[in-house]
PDB file of N, CA and C in Angstrom:
ATOM      1  N   MET A   1      12.399 -97.561   4.967  1.00  0.00           N
ATOM      2  CA  MET A   1      12.865 -96.289   5.939  1.00  0.00           C
ATOM      3  C   MET A   1      11.903 -95.658   6.372  1.00  0.00           C
ATOM      4  N   ASN A   2      12.687 -95.321   7.612  1.00  0.00           N
ATOM      5  CA  ASN A   2      11.315 -94.371   8.151  1.00  0.00           C
ATOM      6  C   ASN A   2      12.536 -92.833   8.508  1.00  0.00           C
ATOM      7  N   HIS A   3      11.947 -91.979   7.978  1.00  0.00           N
ATOM      8  CA  HIS A   3      12.617 -90.744   7.230  1.00  0.00           C
ATOM      9  C   HIS A   3      12.064 -89.655   8.019  1.00  0.00           C
ATOM     10  N   LYS A   4      11.635 -89.148   8.910  1.00  0.00           N
ATOM     11  CA  LYS A   4      11.600 -88.110   9.741  1.00  0.00           C
ATOM     12  C   LYS A   4      11.446 -86.697   8.645  1.00  0.00           C
ATOM     13  N   THR A   5      10.551 -85.989   9.111  1.00  0.00           N
ATOM     14  CA  THR A   5       9.473 -85.126   8.323  1.00  0.00           C
ATOM     15  C   THR A   5      10.538 -83.970   8.682  1.00  0.00           C
ATOM     16  N   GLY A   6      10.647 -82.803   7.959  1.00  0.00           N
ATOM     17  CA  GLY A   6      11.114 -81.486   8.494  1.00  0.00           C
ATOM     18  C   GLY A   6      10.268 -80.933  10.137  1.00  0.00           C
ATOM     19  N   GLN A   7       9.359 -80.447   9.674  1.00  0.00           N
ATOM     20  CA  GLN A   7       8.071 -80.471  11.049  1.00  0.00           C
ATOM     21  C   GLN A   7       8.823 -81.697  12.467  1.00  0.00           C
ATOM     22  N   GLN A   8       8.957 -82.516  12.655  1.00  0.00           N
ATOM     23  CA  GLN A   8       9.198 -83.941  13.082  1.00  0.00           C
ATOM     24  C   GLN A   8      10.645 -83.485  14.033  1.00  0.00           C
ATOM     25  N   LEU A   9      11.758 -82.801  12.587  1.00  0.00           N
ATOM     26  CA  LEU A   9      12.656 -82.531  12.558  1.00  0.00           C
ATOM     27  C   LEU A   9      13.141 -81.059  13.511  1.00  0.00           C
ATOM     28  N   ILE A  10      12.470 -80.183  13.706  1.00  0.00           N
ATOM     29  CA  ILE A  10      12.047 -79.231  14.091  1.00  0.00           C
ATOM     30  C   ILE A  10      11.302 -79.219  15.790  1.00  0.00           C
ATOM     31  N   ALA A  11      10.052 -80.132  15.787  1.00  0.00           N
ATOM     32  CA  ALA A  11      10.442 -80.235  17.341  1.00  0.00           C
ATOM     33  C   ALA A  11      11.277 -80.587  17.808  1.00  0.00           C
ATOM     34  N   ALA A  12      12.157 -81.373  17.195  1.00  0.00           N
ATOM     35  CA  ALA A  12      12.505 -82.627  17.766  1.00  0.00           C
ATOM     36  C   ALA A  12      14.159 -81.455  18.647  1.00  0.00           C
ATOM     37  N   GLU A  13      14.222 -80.330  18.210  1.00  0.00           N
ATOM     38  CA  GLU A  13      14.908 -79.623  18.074  1.00  0.00           C
ATOM     39  C   GLU A  13      14.143 -78.331  19.012  1.00  0.00           C
ATOM     40  N   ARG A  14      13.160 -77.999  19.221  1.00  0.00           N
ATOM     41  CA  ARG A  14      12.628 -77.317  20.299  1.00  0.00           C
ATOM     42  C   ARG A  14      12.641 -78.441  21.292  1.00  0.00           C
ATOM     43  N   GLN A  15      13.422 -79.418  21.125  1.00  0.00           N
ATOM     44  CA  GLN A  15      12.465 -80.567  22.430  1.00  0.00           C
ATOM     45  C   GLN A  15      13.936 -80.023  23.457  1.00  0.00           C
ATOM     46  N   ARG A  16      14.833 -80.551  22.105  1.00  0.00           N
ATOM     47  CA  ARG A  16      16.474 -80.442  22.776  1.00  0.00           C
ATOM     48  C   ARG A  16      16.497 -78.989  23.024  1.00  0.00           C
ATOM     49  N   GLN A  17      16.644 -77.746  22.435  1.00  0.00           N
ATOM     50  CA  GLN A  17      16.928 -76.210  23.295  1.00  0.00           C
ATOM     51  C   GLN A  17      16.373 -76.655  24.742  1.00  0.00           C
ATOM     52  N   ILE A  18      15.300 -77.272  25.149  1.00  0.00           N
ATOM     53  CA  ILE A  18      14.685 -77.022  26.252  1.00  0.00           C
ATOM     54  C   ILE A  18      15.265 -78.406  26.389  1.00  0.00           C
ATOM     55  N   ASP A  19      15.580 -79.620  26.591  1.00  0.00           N
ATOM     56  CA  ASP A  19      15.954 -80.186  27.724  1.00  0.00           C
ATOM     57  C   ASP A  19      17.194 -80.026  28.148  1.00  0.00           C
ATOM     58  N   SER A  20      18.293 -79.678  26.452  1.00  0.00           N
ATOM     59  CA  SER A  20      20.042 -79.723  26.956  1.00  0.00           C
ATOM     60  C   SER A  20      20.215 -78.374  27.148  1.00  0.00           C
ATOM     61  N   GLU A  21      19.587 -77.540  26.024  1.00  0.00           N
ATOM     62  CA  GLU A  21      20.172 -75.877  26.929  1.00  0.00           C
ATOM     63  C   GLU A  21      20.006 -75.556  27.639  1.00  0.00           C
ATOM     64  N   GLY A  22      18.672 -75.628  28.524  1.00  0.00           N
ATOM     65  CA  GLY A  22      17.708 -75.509  28.985  1.00  0.00           C
ATOM     66  C   GLY A  22      16.610 -73.841  29.038  1.00  0.00           C
ATOM     67  N   TRP A  23      16.384 -73.670  27.651  1.00  0.00           N
ATOM     68  CA  TRP A  23      15.883 -72.850  27.038  1.00  0.00           C
ATOM     69  C   TRP A  23      14.516 -72.669  27.203  1.00  0.00           C
ATOM     70  N   THR A  24      14.215 -72.774  28.950  1.00  0.00           N
ATOM     71  CA  THR A  24      12.835 -72.384  29.275  1.00  0.00           C
ATOM     72  C   THR A  24      12.184 -71.587  29.154  1.00  0.00           C
ATOM     73  N   ALA A  25      10.936 -72.054  29.303  1.00  0.00           N
ATOM     74  CA  ALA A  25       9.792 -70.579  28.894  1.00  0.00           C
ATOM     75  C   ALA A  25       9.947 -69.221  29.283  1.00  0.00           C
ATOM     76  N   SER A  26      10.583 -69.005  31.036  1.00  0.00           N
ATOM     77  CA  SER A  26      11.062 -67.968  31.427  1.00  0.00           C
ATOM     78  C   SER A  26      12.139 -67.366  30.990  1.00  0.00           C
ATOM     79  N   HIS A  27      13.152 -68.437  30.406  1.00  0.00           N
ATOM     80  CA  HIS A  27      14.040 -67.848  29.657  1.00  0.00           C
ATOM     81  C   HIS A  27      14.368 -66.937  28.429  1.00  0.00           C
ATOM     82  N   ASP A  28      12.920 -67.695  27.344  1.00  0.00           N
ATOM     83  CA  ASP A  28      12.971 -67.350  26.209  1.00  0.00           C
ATOM     84  C   ASP A  28      11.763 -66.052  26.273  1.00  0.00           C
ATOM     85  N   ASP A  29      10.710 -65.940  27.833  1.00  0.00           N
ATOM     86  CA  ASP A  29      10.210 -64.658  27.677  1.00  0.00           C
ATOM     87  C   ASP A  29      11.393 -63.637  27.993  1.00  0.00           C
ATOM     88  N   GLN A  30      12.661 -63.930  28.755  1.00  0.00           N
ATOM     89  CA  GLN A  30      13.430 -62.316  28.811  1.00  0.00           C
ATOM     90  C   GLN A  30      13.558 -61.783  27.290  1.00  0.00           C
ATOM     91  N   HIS A  31      13.514 -62.950  26.711  1.00  0.00           N
ATOM     92  CA  HIS A  31      14.411 -62.448  25.049  1.00  0.00           C
ATOM     93  C   HIS A  31      13.099 -61.871  24.406  1.00  0.00           C
ATOM     94  N   GLY A  32      12.012 -61.964  24.270  1.00  0.00           N
ATOM     95  CA  GLY A  32      10.736 -61.661  24.066  1.00  0.00           C
ATOM     96  C   GLY A  32      10.607 -62.002  22.318  1.00  0.00           C
ATOM     97  N   PRO A  33       9.856 -62.111  21.679  1.00  0.00           N
ATOM     98  CA  PRO A  33       9.561 -63.365  20.176  1.00  0.00           C
ATOM     99  C   PRO A  33      10.350 -61.754  19.200  1.00  0.00           C
ATOM    100  N   GLU A  34      10.003 -60.697  19.119  1.00  0.00           N
ATOM    101  CA  GLU A  34      11.066 -60.362  18.455  1.00  0.00           C
ATOM    102  C   GLU A  34      12.833 -60.833  18.451  1.00  0.00           C
ATOM    103  N   THR A  35      13.311 -60.920  19.365  1.00  0.00           N
ATOM    104  CA  THR A  35      14.543 -61.309  19.548  1.00  0.00           C
ATOM    105  C   THR A  35      14.907 -62.301  19.354  1.00  0.00           C
ATOM    106  N   LEU A  36      13.706 -63.487  19.431  1.00  0.00           N
ATOM    107  CA  LEU A  36      13.784 -65.203  19.327  1.00  0.00           C
ATOM    108  C   LEU A  36      13.514 -65.210  17.819  1.00  0.00           C
ATOM    109  N   GLU A  37      12.655 -64.128  16.787  1.00  0.00           N
ATOM    110  CA  GLU A  37      12.312 -64.086  15.573  1.00  0.00           C
ATOM    111  C   GLU A  37      13.867 -63.588  15.067  1.00  0.00           C
ATOM    112  N   LEU A  38      14.024 -62.333  15.329  1.00  0.00           N
ATOM    113  CA  LEU A  38      15.133 -62.334  14.488  1.00  0.00           C
ATOM    114  C   LEU A  38      16.541 -62.941  14.690  1.00  0.00           C
ATOM    115  N   ALA A  39      17.038 -64.029  15.097  1.00  0.00           N
ATOM    116  CA  ALA A  39      17.235 -65.374  16.108  1.00  0.00           C
ATOM    117  C   ALA A  39      17.485 -66.095  14.707  1.00  0.00           C
ATOM    118  N   ALA A  40      15.544 -67.002  14.564  1.00  0.00           N
ATOM    119  CA  ALA A  40      15.473 -67.492  13.688  1.00  0.00           C
ATOM    120  C   ALA A  40      15.132 -67.216  12.248  1.00  0.00           C
ATOM    121  N   LEU A  41      15.966 -65.481  12.033  1.00  0.00           N
ATOM    122  CA  LEU A  41      16.110 -65.824   9.782  1.00  0.00           C
ATOM    123  C   LEU A  41      17.126 -65.809   9.603  1.00  0.00           C
ATOM    124  N   CYS A  42      17.324 -64.948  11.325  1.00  0.00           N
ATOM    125  CA  CYS A  42      19.560 -65.655  10.583  1.00  0.00           C
ATOM    126  C   CYS A  42      19.712 -67.199  10.519  1.00  0.00           C
ATOM    127  N   TYR A  43      19.282 -68.137  11.391  1.00  0.00           N
ATOM    128  CA  TYR A  43      19.720 -69.089  11.049  1.00  0.00           C
ATOM    129  C   TYR A  43      18.940 -69.965   9.938  1.00  0.00           C
ATOM    130  N   ARG A  44      17.643 -69.244   9.728  1.00  0.00           N
ATOM    131  CA  ARG A  44      17.416 -69.528   8.373  1.00  0.00           C
ATOM    132  C   ARG A  44      17.780 -69.309   6.916  1.00  0.00           C
ATOM    133  N   ASP A  45      18.309 -68.204   7.151  1.00  0.00           N
ATOM    134  CA  ASP A  45      19.276 -67.776   6.055  1.00  0.00           C
ATOM    135  C   ASP A  45      20.973 -68.645   5.874  1.00  0.00           C
ATOM    136  N   ALA A  46      21.186 -68.895   6.903  1.00  0.00           N
ATOM    137  CA  ALA A  46      22.283 -69.576   6.944  1.00  0.00           C
ATOM    138  C   ALA A  46      22.466 -70.337   6.294  1.00  0.00           C
ATOM    139  N   VAL A  47      23.519 -70.953   5.166  1.00  0.00           N
ATOM    140  CA  VAL A  47      23.509 -71.278   4.202  1.00  0.00           C
ATOM    141  C   VAL A  47      24.413 -72.956   4.517  1.00  0.00           C
ATOM    142  N   ASN A  48      25.016 -72.522   5.166  1.00  0.00           N
ATOM    143  CA  ASN A  48      26.083 -73.898   5.591  1.00  0.00           C
ATOM    144  C   ASN A  48      27.460 -73.267   7.194  1.00  0.00           C
ATOM    145  N   GLN A  49      27.679 -73.983   7.768  1.00  0.00           N
ATOM    146  CA  GLN A  49      28.586 -73.848   8.719  1.00  0.00           C
ATOM    147  C   GLN A  49      29.686 -72.432   8.349  1.00  0.00           C
ATOM    148  N   ASP A  50      29.555 -71.990   7.352  1.00  0.00           N
ATOM    149  CA  ASP A  50      31.399 -70.764   6.446  1.00  0.00           C
ATOM    150  C   ASP A  50      30.254 -69.650   6.551  1.00  0.00           C
ATOM    151  N   THR A  51      28.917 -69.438   6.821  1.00  0.00           N
ATOM    152  CA  THR A  51      28.184 -68.830   6.690  1.00  0.00           C
ATOM    153  C   THR A  51      28.228 -67.466   7.794  1.00  0.00           C
ATOM    154  N   ALA A  52      28.852 -66.023   7.631  1.00  0.00           N
ATOM    155  CA  ALA A  52      29.431 -65.242   8.227  1.00  0.00           C
ATOM    156  C   ALA A  52      27.953 -64.182   9.255  1.00  0.00           C
ATOM    157  N   LEU A  53      28.333 -63.960  10.619  1.00  0.00           N
ATOM    158  CA  LEU A  53      27.458 -63.526  11.217  1.00  0.00           C
ATOM    159  C   LEU A  53      27.403 -62.194  10.365  1.00  0.00           C
ATOM    160  N   PRO A  54      25.480 -62.756  10.796  1.00  0.00           N
ATOM    161  CA  PRO A  54      24.669 -61.492  10.269  1.00  0.00           C
ATOM    162  C   PRO A  54      24.413 -60.369  10.951  1.00  0.00           C
ATOM    163  N   SER A  55      24.574 -59.611  10.627  1.00  0.00           N
ATOM    164  CA  SER A  55      24.209 -57.969  11.046  1.00  0.00           C
ATOM    165  C   SER A  55      23.199 -58.346  11.746  1.00  0.00           C
ATOM    166  N   LYS A  56      22.247 -58.635  11.626  1.00  0.00           N
ATOM    167  CA  LYS A  56      20.688 -58.530  12.620  1.00  0.00           C
ATOM    168  C   LYS A  56      20.914 -59.730  13.727  1.00  0.00           C
ATOM    169  N   TRP A  57      22.472 -60.324  13.729  1.00  0.00           N
ATOM    170  CA  TRP A  57      22.307 -61.108  14.840  1.00  0.00           C
ATOM    171  C   TRP A  57      21.865 -60.640  16.387  1.00  0.00           C
ATOM    172  N   PRO A  58      20.743 -61.202  16.845  1.00  0.00           N
ATOM    173  CA  PRO A  58      21.003 -60.604  18.158  1.00  0.00           C
ATOM    174  C   PRO A  58      20.657 -60.663  19.655  1.00  0.00           C
ATOM    175  N   TRP A  59      22.232 -61.468  19.745  1.00  0.00           N
ATOM    176  CA  TRP A  59      22.821 -61.478  20.582  1.00  0.00           C
ATOM    177  C   TRP A  59      24.587 -61.711  20.513  1.00  0.00           C
ATOM    178  N   SER A  60      25.806 -61.723  21.292  1.00  0.00           N
ATOM    179  CA  SER A  60      26.959 -61.754  21.339  1.00  0.00           C
ATOM    180  C   SER A  60      27.310 -62.562  20.059  1.00  0.00           C
ATOM    181  N   PRO A  61      28.253 -62.198  19.086  1.00  0.00           N
ATOM    182  CA  PRO A  61      28.255 -62.906  18.555  1.00  0.00           C
ATOM    183  C   PRO A  61      29.742 -64.542  19.282  1.00  0.00           C
ATOM    184  N   GLU A  62      29.323 -65.204  20.019  1.00  0.00           N
ATOM    185  CA  GLU A  62      29.827 -66.603  20.738  1.00  0.00           C
ATOM    186  C   GLU A  62      29.026 -67.255  20.483  1.00  0.00           C
ATOM    187  N   TRP A  63      27.718 -66.744  20.357  1.00  0.00           N
ATOM    188  CA  TRP A  63      26.380 -67.753  20.182  1.00  0.00           C
ATOM    189  C   TRP A  63      26.125 -67.880  18.470  1.00  0.00           C
ATOM    190  N   TRP A  64      26.700 -67.185  17.541  1.00  0.00           N
ATOM    191  CA  TRP A  64      26.382 -67.787  16.298  1.00  0.00           C
ATOM    192  C   TRP A  64      27.385 -68.648  16.032  1.00  0.00           C
ATOM    193  N   LYS A  65      26.489 -69.833  15.739  1.00  0.00           N
ATOM    194  CA  LYS A  65      27.185 -71.152  15.972  1.00  0.00           C
ATOM    195  C   LYS A  65      26.241 -71.925  14.300  1.00  0.00           C
ATOM    196  N   PRO A  66      26.399 -71.295  12.921  1.00  0.00           N
ATOM    197  CA  PRO A  66      25.632 -72.064  11.951  1.00  0.00           C
ATOM    198  C   PRO A  66      26.356 -73.574  11.450  1.00  0.00           C
ATOM    199  N   LYS A  67      25.580 -74.462  11.234  1.00  0.00           N
ATOM    200  CA  LYS A  67      26.361 -75.776  10.647  1.00  0.00           C
ATOM    201  C   LYS A  67      25.414 -75.980   8.696  1.00  0.00           C
ATOM    202  N   SER A  68      24.960 -76.915   8.899  1.00  0.00           N
ATOM    203  CA  SER A  68      24.791 -77.737   7.941  1.00  0.00           C
ATOM    204  C   SER A  68      23.130 -76.867   7.386  1.00  0.00           C
ATOM    205  N   ARG A  69      22.971 -76.584   6.444  1.00  0.00           N
ATOM    206  CA  ARG A  69      21.895 -76.299   6.064  1.00  0.00           C
ATOM    207  C   ARG A  69      20.993 -76.751   6.446  1.00  0.00           C
ATOM    208  N   GLN A  70      20.588 -78.196   6.675  1.00  0.00           N
ATOM    209  CA  GLN A  70      19.594 -79.077   7.506  1.00  0.00           C
ATOM    210  C   GLN A  70      19.618 -78.347   8.772  1.00  0.00           C
ATOM    211  N   ARG A  71      20.935 -78.669   9.499  1.00  0.00           N
ATOM    212  CA  ARG A  71      20.368 -78.034  11.235  1.00  0.00           C
ATOM    213  C   ARG A  71      20.498 -76.994  11.091  1.00  0.00           C
ATOM    214  N   ASN A  72      20.733 -76.241  10.587  1.00  0.00           N
ATOM    215  CA  ASN A  72      20.156 -74.074  10.390  1.00  0.00           C
ATOM    216  C   ASN A  72      18.768 -74.220  10.395  1.00  0.00           C
ATOM    217  N   LEU A  73      17.996 -75.097   9.363  1.00  0.00           N
ATOM    218  CA  LEU A  73      16.612 -74.633   9.559  1.00  0.00           C
ATOM    219  C   LEU A  73      16.071 -75.394  10.365  1.00  0.00           C
ATOM    220  N   GLU A  74      16.678 -76.698  10.794  1.00  0.00           N
ATOM    221  CA  GLU A  74      15.583 -76.886  11.999  1.00  0.00           C
ATOM    222  C   GLU A  74      15.258 -75.818  13.062  1.00  0.00           C
ATOM    223  N   ARG A  75      17.530 -75.134  13.453  1.00  0.00           N
ATOM    224  CA  ARG A  75      17.633 -74.146  14.513  1.00  0.00           C
ATOM    225  C   ARG A  75      16.573 -73.270  14.476  1.00  0.00           C
ATOM    226  N   ALA A  76      16.042 -72.686  13.011  1.00  0.00           N
ATOM    227  CA  ALA A  76      15.624 -71.421  12.205  1.00  0.00           C
ATOM    228  C   ALA A  76      13.856 -71.930  12.884  1.00  0.00           C
ATOM    229  N   GLY A  77      13.541 -72.924  12.568  1.00  0.00           N
ATOM    230  CA  GLY A  77      12.688 -73.637  13.001  1.00  0.00           C
ATOM    231  C   GLY A  77      11.628 -73.746  13.902  1.00  0.00           C
ATOM    232  N   ALA A  78      12.556 -74.030  14.811  1.00  0.00           N
ATOM    233  CA  ALA A  78      12.684 -74.718  16.770  1.00  0.00           C
ATOM    234  C   ALA A  78      12.628 -72.358  17.853  1.00  0.00           C
ATOM    235  N   LEU A  79      13.138 -71.976  16.647  1.00  0.00           N
ATOM    236  CA  LEU A  79      13.181 -70.257  17.031  1.00  0.00           C
ATOM    237  C   LEU A  79      11.651 -69.821  17.333  1.00  0.00           C
ATOM    238  N   TYR A  80      11.583 -69.896  15.835  1.00  0.00           N
ATOM    239  CA  TYR A  80      10.692 -69.595  15.411  1.00  0.00           C
ATOM    240  C   TYR A  80       9.482 -69.750  16.662  1.00  0.00           C
ATOM    241  N   GLN A  81       9.146 -71.217  16.546  1.00  0.00           N
ATOM    242  CA  GLN A  81       8.236 -72.245  17.019  1.00  0.00           C
ATOM    243  C   GLN A  81       8.429 -71.578  18.668  1.00  0.00           C
ATOM    244  N   ALA A  82       9.726 -71.525  19.794  1.00  0.00           N
ATOM    245  CA  ALA A  82       9.808 -70.483  20.869  1.00  0.00           C
ATOM    246  C   ALA A  82       8.933 -68.913  20.832  1.00  0.00           C
ATOM    247  N   ALA A  83       9.862 -68.047  19.761  1.00  0.00           N
ATOM    248  CA  ALA A  83       8.991 -67.251  19.446  1.00  0.00           C
ATOM    249  C   ALA A  83       7.975 -66.805  19.374  1.00  0.00           C
ATOM    250  N   ALA A  84       6.729 -68.249  18.719  1.00  0.00           N
ATOM    251  CA  ALA A  84       5.676 -68.651  18.802  1.00  0.00           C
ATOM    252  C   ALA A  84       4.604 -68.622  20.089  1.00  0.00           C
ATOM    253  N   GLU A  85       6.039 -69.346  20.676  1.00  0.00           N
ATOM    254  CA  GLU A  85       5.283 -69.785  21.967  1.00  0.00           C
ATOM    255  C   GLU A  85       5.329 -68.726  22.871  1.00  0.00           C
ATOM    256  N   VAL A  86       6.241 -67.820  23.390  1.00  0.00           N
ATOM    257  CA  VAL A  86       6.186 -66.243  23.471  1.00  0.00           C
ATOM    258  C   VAL A  86       4.940 -65.448  23.488  1.00  0.00           C
ATOM    259  N   ALA A  87       4.989 -65.336  21.827  1.00  0.00           N
ATOM    260  CA  ALA A  87       3.801 -64.540  21.800  1.00  0.00           C
ATOM    261  C   ALA A  87       1.934 -64.934  22.522  1.00  0.00           C
ATOM    262  N   GLU A  88       2.313 -66.291  22.299  1.00  0.00           N
ATOM    263  CA  GLU A  88       0.805 -66.611  23.155  1.00  0.00           C
ATOM    264  C   GLU A  88       0.595 -67.178  24.124  1.00  0.00           C
ATOM    265  N   ARG A  89       1.984 -66.552  25.187  1.00  0.00           N
ATOM    266  CA  ARG A  89       2.196 -66.474  26.744  1.00  0.00           C
ATOM    267  C   ARG A  89       1.345 -65.098  26.880  1.00  0.00           C
ATOM    268  N   ALA A  90       1.945 -64.130  25.745  1.00  0.00           N
ATOM    269  CA  ALA A  90       1.683 -62.466  26.174  1.00  0.00           C
ATOM    270  C   ALA A  90       0.592 -62.253  25.556  1.00  0.00           C
ATOM    271  N   GLN A  91      -0.082 -63.328  23.973  1.00  0.00           N
ATOM    272  CA  GLN A  91      -1.301 -63.170  24.155  1.00  0.00           C
ATOM    273  C   GLN A  91      -1.878 -62.325  23.153  1.00  0.00           C
ATOM    274  N   ASP A  92      -0.542 -62.062  21.884  1.00  0.00           N
ATOM    275  CA  ASP A  92      -0.258 -61.521  21.085  1.00  0.00           C
ATOM    276  C   ASP A  92      -0.557 -63.066  19.675  1.00  0.00           C
ATOM    277  N   TYR A  93      -1.459 -63.229  19.420  1.00  0.00           N
ATOM    278  CA  TYR A  93      -2.371 -64.041  18.867  1.00  0.00           C
ATOM    279  C   TYR A  93      -1.877 -63.777  17.552  1.00  0.00           C
ATOM    280  N   GLN A  94      -1.839 -62.745  17.056  1.00  0.00           N
ATOM    281  CA  GLN A  94      -1.560 -62.243  15.496  1.00  0.00           C
ATOM    282  C   GLN A  94      -0.071 -62.170  15.557  1.00  0.00           C
ATOM    283  N   LYS A  95       0.693 -62.364  16.662  1.00  0.00           N
ATOM    284  CA  LYS A  95       1.759 -62.370  15.484  1.00  0.00           C
ATOM    285  C   LYS A  95       2.318 -64.009  16.458  1.00  0.00           C
ATOM    286  N   ARG A  96       1.900 -64.715  17.403  1.00  0.00           N
ATOM    287  CA  ARG A  96       1.864 -65.903  17.497  1.00  0.00           C
ATOM    288  C   ARG A  96       2.142 -66.599  16.179  1.00  0.00           C
ATOM    289  N   ASP A  97       0.293 -66.881  15.358  1.00  0.00           N
ATOM    290  CA  ASP A  97       0.150 -67.232  14.053  1.00  0.00           C
ATOM    291  C   ASP A  97       1.152 -66.970  13.444  1.00  0.00           C
ATOM    292  N   SER A  98       1.743 -65.708  12.893  1.00  0.00           N
ATOM    293  CA  SER A  98       2.521 -65.070  11.743  1.00  0.00           C
ATOM    294  C   SER A  98       4.178 -65.854  12.241  1.00  0.00           C
ATOM    295  N   LEU A  99       4.173 -66.653  13.703  1.00  0.00           N
ATOM    296  CA  LEU A  99       5.372 -66.882  13.844  1.00  0.00           C
ATOM    297  C   LEU A  99       5.589 -68.378  13.251  1.00  0.00           C
ATOM    298  N   ARG A 100       4.205 -68.931  13.927  1.00  0.00           N
ATOM    299  CA  ARG A 100       4.396 -70.465  13.027  1.00  0.00           C
ATOM    300  C   ARG A 100       4.718 -70.273  12.280  1.00  0.00           C
ATOM    301  N   ASP A 101       4.086 -69.375  11.688  1.00  0.00           N
ATOM    302  CA  ASP A 101       3.904 -69.580   9.687  1.00  0.00           C
ATOM    303  C   ASP A 101       5.114 -69.877   9.216  1.00  0.00           C
ATOM    304  N   HIS A 102       6.261 -69.052   9.686  1.00  0.00           N
ATOM    305  CA  HIS A 102       7.181 -68.759  10.034  1.00  0.00           C
ATOM    306  C   HIS A 102       7.760 -70.141  10.045  1.00  0.00           C
ATOM    307  N   SER A 103       7.628 -70.674  11.321  1.00  0.00           N
ATOM    308  CA  SER A 103       8.245 -72.130  11.638  1.00  0.00           C
ATOM    309  C   SER A 103       7.180 -73.217  10.360  1.00  0.00           C
ATOM    310  N   ALA A 104       6.804 -73.278   9.849  1.00  0.00           N
ATOM    311  CA  ALA A 104       6.001 -73.789   8.853  1.00  0.00           C
ATOM    312  C   ALA A 104       6.601 -73.388   7.366  1.00  0.00           C
ATOM    313  N   SER A 105       6.963 -72.916   7.505  1.00  0.00           N
ATOM    314  CA  SER A 105       7.907 -72.651   6.527  1.00  0.00           C
ATOM    315  C   SER A 105       9.362 -73.300   6.522  1.00  0.00           C
ATOM    316  N   CYS A 106       9.678 -72.722   7.352  1.00  0.00           N
ATOM    317  CA  CYS A 106      10.658 -74.000   8.145  1.00  0.00           C
ATOM    318  C   CYS A 106      10.907 -74.829   7.565  1.00  0.00           C
ATOM    319  N   SER A 107       9.987 -75.606   7.823  1.00  0.00           N
ATOM    320  CA  SER A 107       9.811 -77.014   7.640  1.00  0.00           C
ATOM    321  C   SER A 107       9.120 -77.887   5.817  1.00  0.00           C
ATOM    322  N   ILE A 108       8.502 -76.561   5.360  1.00  0.00           N
ATOM    323  CA  ILE A 108       8.683 -77.020   4.168  1.00  0.00           C
ATOM    324  C   ILE A 108       9.977 -76.978   3.044  1.00  0.00           C
ATOM    325  N   LEU A 109      10.642 -75.819   3.511  1.00  0.00           N
ATOM    326  CA  LEU A 109      12.577 -75.713   2.785  1.00  0.00           C
ATOM    327  C   LEU A 109      13.570 -76.914   3.897  1.00  0.00           C
ATOM    328  N   LEU A 110      13.164 -77.243   4.806  1.00  0.00           N
ATOM    329  CA  LEU A 110      13.492 -78.581   5.495  1.00  0.00           C
ATOM    330  C   LEU A 110      13.196 -79.947   4.389  1.00  0.00           C
ATOM    331  N   ASP A 111      11.951 -79.968   4.389  1.00  0.00           N
ATOM    332  CA  ASP A 111      11.655 -81.090   3.595  1.00  0.00           C
ATOM    333  C   ASP A 111      12.417 -81.757   2.731  1.00  0.00           C
ATOM    334  N   SER A 112      12.133 -79.851   1.423  1.00  0.00           N
ATOM    335  CA  SER A 112      13.044 -79.439   0.339  1.00  0.00           C
ATOM    336  C   SER A 112      14.652 -80.520   0.282  1.00  0.00           C
ATOM    337  N   VAL A 113      14.821 -79.598   1.397  1.00  0.00           N
ATOM    338  CA  VAL A 113      16.592 -80.001   1.603  1.00  0.00           C
ATOM    339  C   VAL A 113      16.194 -81.946   1.762  1.00  0.00           C
ATOM    340  N   LEU A 114      15.845 -81.993   2.598  1.00  0.00           N
ATOM    341  CA  LEU A 114      15.847 -84.052   2.842  1.00  0.00           C
ATOM    342  C   LEU A 114      15.503 -84.699   2.006  1.00  0.00           C
ATOM    343  N   ASN A 115      14.436 -84.029   1.146  1.00  0.00           N
ATOM    344  CA  ASN A 115      14.266 -84.456  -0.304  1.00  0.00           C
ATOM    345  C   ASN A 115      15.629 -84.848  -1.171  1.00  0.00           C
ATOM    346  N   SER A 116      16.186 -83.329  -1.412  1.00  0.00           N
ATOM    347  CA  SER A 116      17.291 -83.655  -2.370  1.00  0.00           C
ATOM    348  C   SER A 116      18.364 -84.719  -1.455  1.00  0.00           C
ATOM    349  N   LYS A 117      18.823 -84.985  -0.469  1.00  0.00           N
ATOM    350  CA  LYS A 117      19.334 -85.774   0.601  1.00  0.00           C
ATOM    351  C   LYS A 117      19.473 -86.998   0.137  1.00  0.00           C
ATOM    352  N   ARG A 118      18.001 -87.349  -0.294  1.00  0.00           N
ATOM    353  CA  ARG A 118      17.363 -88.723  -0.256  1.00  0.00           C
ATOM    354  C   ARG A 118      17.751 -89.245  -1.595  1.00  0.00           C
ATOM    355  N   GLN A 119      17.209 -88.081  -2.514  1.00  0.00           N
ATOM    356  CA  GLN A 119      17.512 -88.430  -4.073  1.00  0.00           C
ATOM    357  C   GLN A 119      19.004 -88.298  -4.886  1.00  0.00           C
ATOM    358  N   ASP A 120      20.082 -87.970  -3.283  1.00  0.00           N
ATOM    359  CA  ASP A 120      21.690 -87.960  -3.582  1.00  0.00           C
ATOM    360  C   ASP A 120      22.083 -89.295  -3.757  1.00  0.00           C
ATOM    361  N   GLN A 121      21.473 -89.856  -2.659  1.00  0.00           N
ATOM    362  CA  GLN A 121      21.814 -91.299  -2.299  1.00  0.00           C
ATOM    363  C   GLN A 121      21.759 -92.883  -3.050  1.00  0.00           C
TER     364      GLN A 121
END
């Protein structure tokens, strides 16, 4: 079987955000790395589609759309990547590296979720 890794799923979600949602570099730059990081943190901690709106959520409540644990981690990792890209364009390399580490952490968590799902099959 050809199973995707957490890192591959996060990269695919980031590309989907750009292609389908239109979240361009200039759009992301308007939010800044801190806002994108807060959104990523909220999705990282969301357990499932019933997760309540976090108090730290940086945008309007209608934008809070948690899904399965897997999808939430994919989205979190992609948002961390977007935030890292914003930080890089701002030449804040320390922030960029920290955000990349957070995205990698989501990838590890996602791999754990995927492995658990495969074992249950």
